[in-house]
Structure formats: structure tokens, C-alpha cells
């Protein structure tokens, strides 16, 4: 997967999270902007999703 594909995939995941949970994702948007275009950013987002899925808040 290229960096561009990774970023697109990541954006789609977060869009679905926003729709599903309807929460305030402004902090994630800031992180996406700061990490935009960087493959490491995509890896960070995947780790964040794994953490979020295990979170007892859901």
C-alpha cells in the first residue's frame, strides 16, 4: 500500500467512526493534519483505532 492509499484508507476509517459514534473528533482531525502525507501517521492512526476498539467507553 502506498502512502496515498494509506491516507485515503485512514480517512475512510475515521469517517465511518465519526458517523458511527457521532463524537467530537476534533483532536483526531488535528493529528491527521499534523501527520498528513506521512506513512508513520497512518501507522499511528491504526494503533489509535486498536486502542479505541479495546476501550471500555464503547
N, C-alpha and C. Protein backbone atom coordinates (compact mmCIF):
# COMPACT_ATOMS: atom_id res chain seq x y z
N UNK A 1 0.85 -1.19 0.00
CA UNK A 1 0.00 0.00 0.00
C UNK A 1 0.89 1.25 0.00
N UNK A 2 0.59 2.17 -0.89
CA UNK A 2 1.35 3.42 -0.95
C UNK A 2 0.91 4.36 0.16
N UNK A 3 1.69 5.40 0.37
CA UNK A 3 1.33 6.39 1.39
C UNK A 3 -0.03 7.01 1.08
N UNK A 4 -0.26 7.34 -0.19
CA UNK A 4 -1.53 7.97 -0.57
C UNK A 4 -2.70 7.03 -0.30
N UNK A 5 -2.54 5.77 -0.64
CA UNK A 5 -3.60 4.79 -0.38
C UNK A 5 -3.84 4.64 1.12
N UNK A 6 -2.75 4.64 1.87
CA UNK A 6 -2.86 4.51 3.32
C UNK A 6 -3.62 5.69 3.91
N UNK A 7 -3.32 6.88 3.44
CA UNK A 7 -4.01 8.08 3.94
C UNK A 7 -5.49 8.03 3.59
N UNK A 8 -5.81 7.61 2.38
CA UNK A 8 -7.21 7.53 1.96
C UNK A 8 -7.96 6.49 2.81
N UNK A 9 -7.35 5.33 2.98
CA UNK A 9 -7.93 4.27 3.79
C UNK A 9 -8.18 4.77 5.21
N UNK A 10 -7.19 5.46 5.75
CA UNK A 10 -7.29 6.01 7.10
C UNK A 10 -8.45 7.00 7.20
N UNK A 11 -8.56 7.87 6.19
CA UNK A 11 -9.64 8.87 6.19
C UNK A 11 -11.01 8.20 6.17
N UNK A 12 -11.14 7.15 5.38
CA UNK A 12 -12.42 6.44 5.30
C UNK A 12 -12.76 5.78 6.64
N UNK A 13 -11.75 5.22 7.30
CA UNK A 13 -11.98 4.60 8.61
C UNK A 13 -12.50 5.64 9.59
N UNK A 14 -11.83 6.81 9.61
CA UNK A 14 -12.24 7.82 10.58
C UNK A 14 -13.59 8.43 10.23
N UNK A 15 -13.91 8.52 8.94
CA UNK A 15 -15.23 9.00 8.55
C UNK A 15 -16.30 8.05 9.08
N UNK A 16 -16.06 6.75 8.95
CA UNK A 16 -17.03 5.77 9.45
C UNK A 16 -17.13 5.83 10.97
N UNK A 17 -16.00 6.10 11.65
CA UNK A 17 -16.04 6.25 13.11
C UNK A 17 -16.88 7.46 13.49
N UNK A 18 -16.71 8.57 12.77
CA UNK A 18 -17.47 9.78 13.07
C UNK A 18 -18.97 9.52 12.91
N UNK A 19 -19.34 8.82 11.84
CA UNK A 19 -20.75 8.55 11.58
C UNK A 19 -21.30 7.59 12.64
N UNK A 20 -20.50 6.59 12.99
CA UNK A 20 -20.97 5.54 13.89
C UNK A 20 -21.14 6.06 15.32
N UNK A 21 -20.18 6.84 15.79
CA UNK A 21 -20.20 7.24 17.19
C UNK A 21 -20.66 8.67 17.42
N UNK A 22 -20.66 9.48 16.35
CA UNK A 22 -21.12 10.87 16.44
C UNK A 22 -20.50 11.60 17.64
N UNK A 23 -19.20 11.46 17.78
CA UNK A 23 -18.49 12.11 18.87
C UNK A 23 -17.65 13.25 18.33
N UNK A 24 -17.06 13.99 19.24
CA UNK A 24 -16.19 15.10 18.85
C UNK A 24 -14.82 14.55 18.50
N UNK A 25 -14.49 14.60 17.20
CA UNK A 25 -13.23 14.05 16.74
C UNK A 25 -12.25 15.15 16.34
N UNK A 26 -12.39 16.33 16.94
CA UNK A 26 -11.52 17.44 16.57
C UNK A 26 -10.05 17.13 16.86
N UNK A 27 -9.79 16.43 17.96
CA UNK A 27 -8.40 16.09 18.30
C UNK A 27 -7.79 15.19 17.23
N UNK A 28 -8.59 14.26 16.72
CA UNK A 28 -8.11 13.37 15.67
C UNK A 28 -7.85 14.16 14.39
N UNK A 29 -8.72 15.12 14.09
CA UNK A 29 -8.54 15.94 12.90
C UNK A 29 -7.22 16.71 12.98
N UNK A 30 -6.90 17.22 14.16
CA UNK A 30 -5.63 17.92 14.36
C UNK A 30 -4.46 16.98 14.11
N UNK A 31 -4.55 15.77 14.66
CA UNK A 31 -3.49 14.79 14.45
C UNK A 31 -3.36 14.41 12.98
N UNK A 32 -4.48 14.24 12.29
CA UNK A 32 -4.44 13.92 10.87
C UNK A 32 -3.75 15.02 10.09
N UNK A 33 -4.04 16.27 10.42
CA UNK A 33 -3.43 17.40 9.72
C UNK A 33 -1.93 17.43 9.98
N UNK A 34 -1.56 17.18 11.21
CA UNK A 34 -0.14 17.23 11.57
C UNK A 34 0.64 16.08 10.93
N UNK A 35 0.00 14.93 10.79
CA UNK A 35 0.67 13.74 10.27
C UNK A 35 0.35 13.49 8.80
N UNK A 36 -0.38 14.41 8.19
CA UNK A 36 -0.84 14.21 6.81
C UNK A 36 0.29 13.93 5.83
N UNK A 37 0.10 12.90 4.98
CA UNK A 37 1.09 12.56 3.97
C UNK A 37 2.26 11.75 4.49
N UNK A 38 2.24 11.42 5.78
CA UNK A 38 3.35 10.67 6.37
C UNK A 38 2.88 9.25 6.68
N UNK A 39 3.62 8.26 6.18
CA UNK A 39 3.23 6.87 6.41
C UNK A 39 3.19 6.55 7.90
N UNK A 40 4.09 7.15 8.67
CA UNK A 40 4.11 6.93 10.11
C UNK A 40 2.79 7.39 10.73
N UNK A 41 2.19 8.42 10.15
CA UNK A 41 0.90 8.90 10.62
C UNK A 41 -0.17 7.84 10.47
N UNK A 42 -0.12 7.12 9.35
CA UNK A 42 -1.09 6.06 9.13
C UNK A 42 -0.92 4.96 10.17
N UNK A 43 0.32 4.60 10.46
CA UNK A 43 0.56 3.58 11.48
C UNK A 43 0.05 4.05 12.84
N UNK A 44 0.26 5.32 13.14
CA UNK A 44 -0.23 5.88 14.40
C UNK A 44 -1.75 5.76 14.49
N UNK A 45 -2.43 6.08 13.38
CA UNK A 45 -3.89 6.02 13.37
C UNK A 45 -4.40 4.60 13.58
N UNK A 46 -3.74 3.63 12.97
CA UNK A 46 -4.13 2.23 13.16
C UNK A 46 -3.96 1.83 14.62
N UNK A 47 -2.86 2.23 15.24
CA UNK A 47 -2.66 1.94 16.66
C UNK A 47 -3.75 2.59 17.50
N UNK A 48 -4.12 3.82 17.14
CA UNK A 48 -5.15 4.54 17.87
C UNK A 48 -6.49 3.81 17.75
N UNK A 49 -6.80 3.31 16.56
CA UNK A 49 -8.05 2.58 16.34
C UNK A 49 -8.05 1.30 17.19
N UNK A 50 -6.92 0.60 17.23
CA UNK A 50 -6.83 -0.62 18.05
C UNK A 50 -7.08 -0.29 19.52
N UNK A 51 -6.50 0.80 19.99
CA UNK A 51 -6.72 1.24 21.37
C UNK A 51 -8.19 1.58 21.58
N UNK A 52 -8.78 2.30 20.61
CA UNK A 52 -10.17 2.74 20.73
C UNK A 52 -11.12 1.55 20.77
N UNK A 53 -10.84 0.54 19.95
CA UNK A 53 -11.70 -0.64 19.92
C UNK A 53 -11.68 -1.38 21.26
N UNK A 54 -10.54 -1.33 21.95
CA UNK A 54 -10.42 -2.02 23.23
C UNK A 54 -10.90 -1.17 24.40
N UNK A 55 -11.21 0.08 24.12
CA UNK A 55 -11.60 1.00 25.17
C UNK A 55 -12.96 0.59 25.77
N UNK A 56 -13.09 0.61 27.09
CA UNK A 56 -14.36 0.23 27.72
C UNK A 56 -15.46 1.27 27.55
N UNK A 57 -15.13 2.44 26.97
CA UNK A 57 -16.11 3.51 26.81
C UNK A 57 -17.17 3.16 25.77
N UNK A 58 -16.84 2.27 24.84
CA UNK A 58 -17.77 1.96 23.75
C UNK A 58 -18.84 0.98 24.24
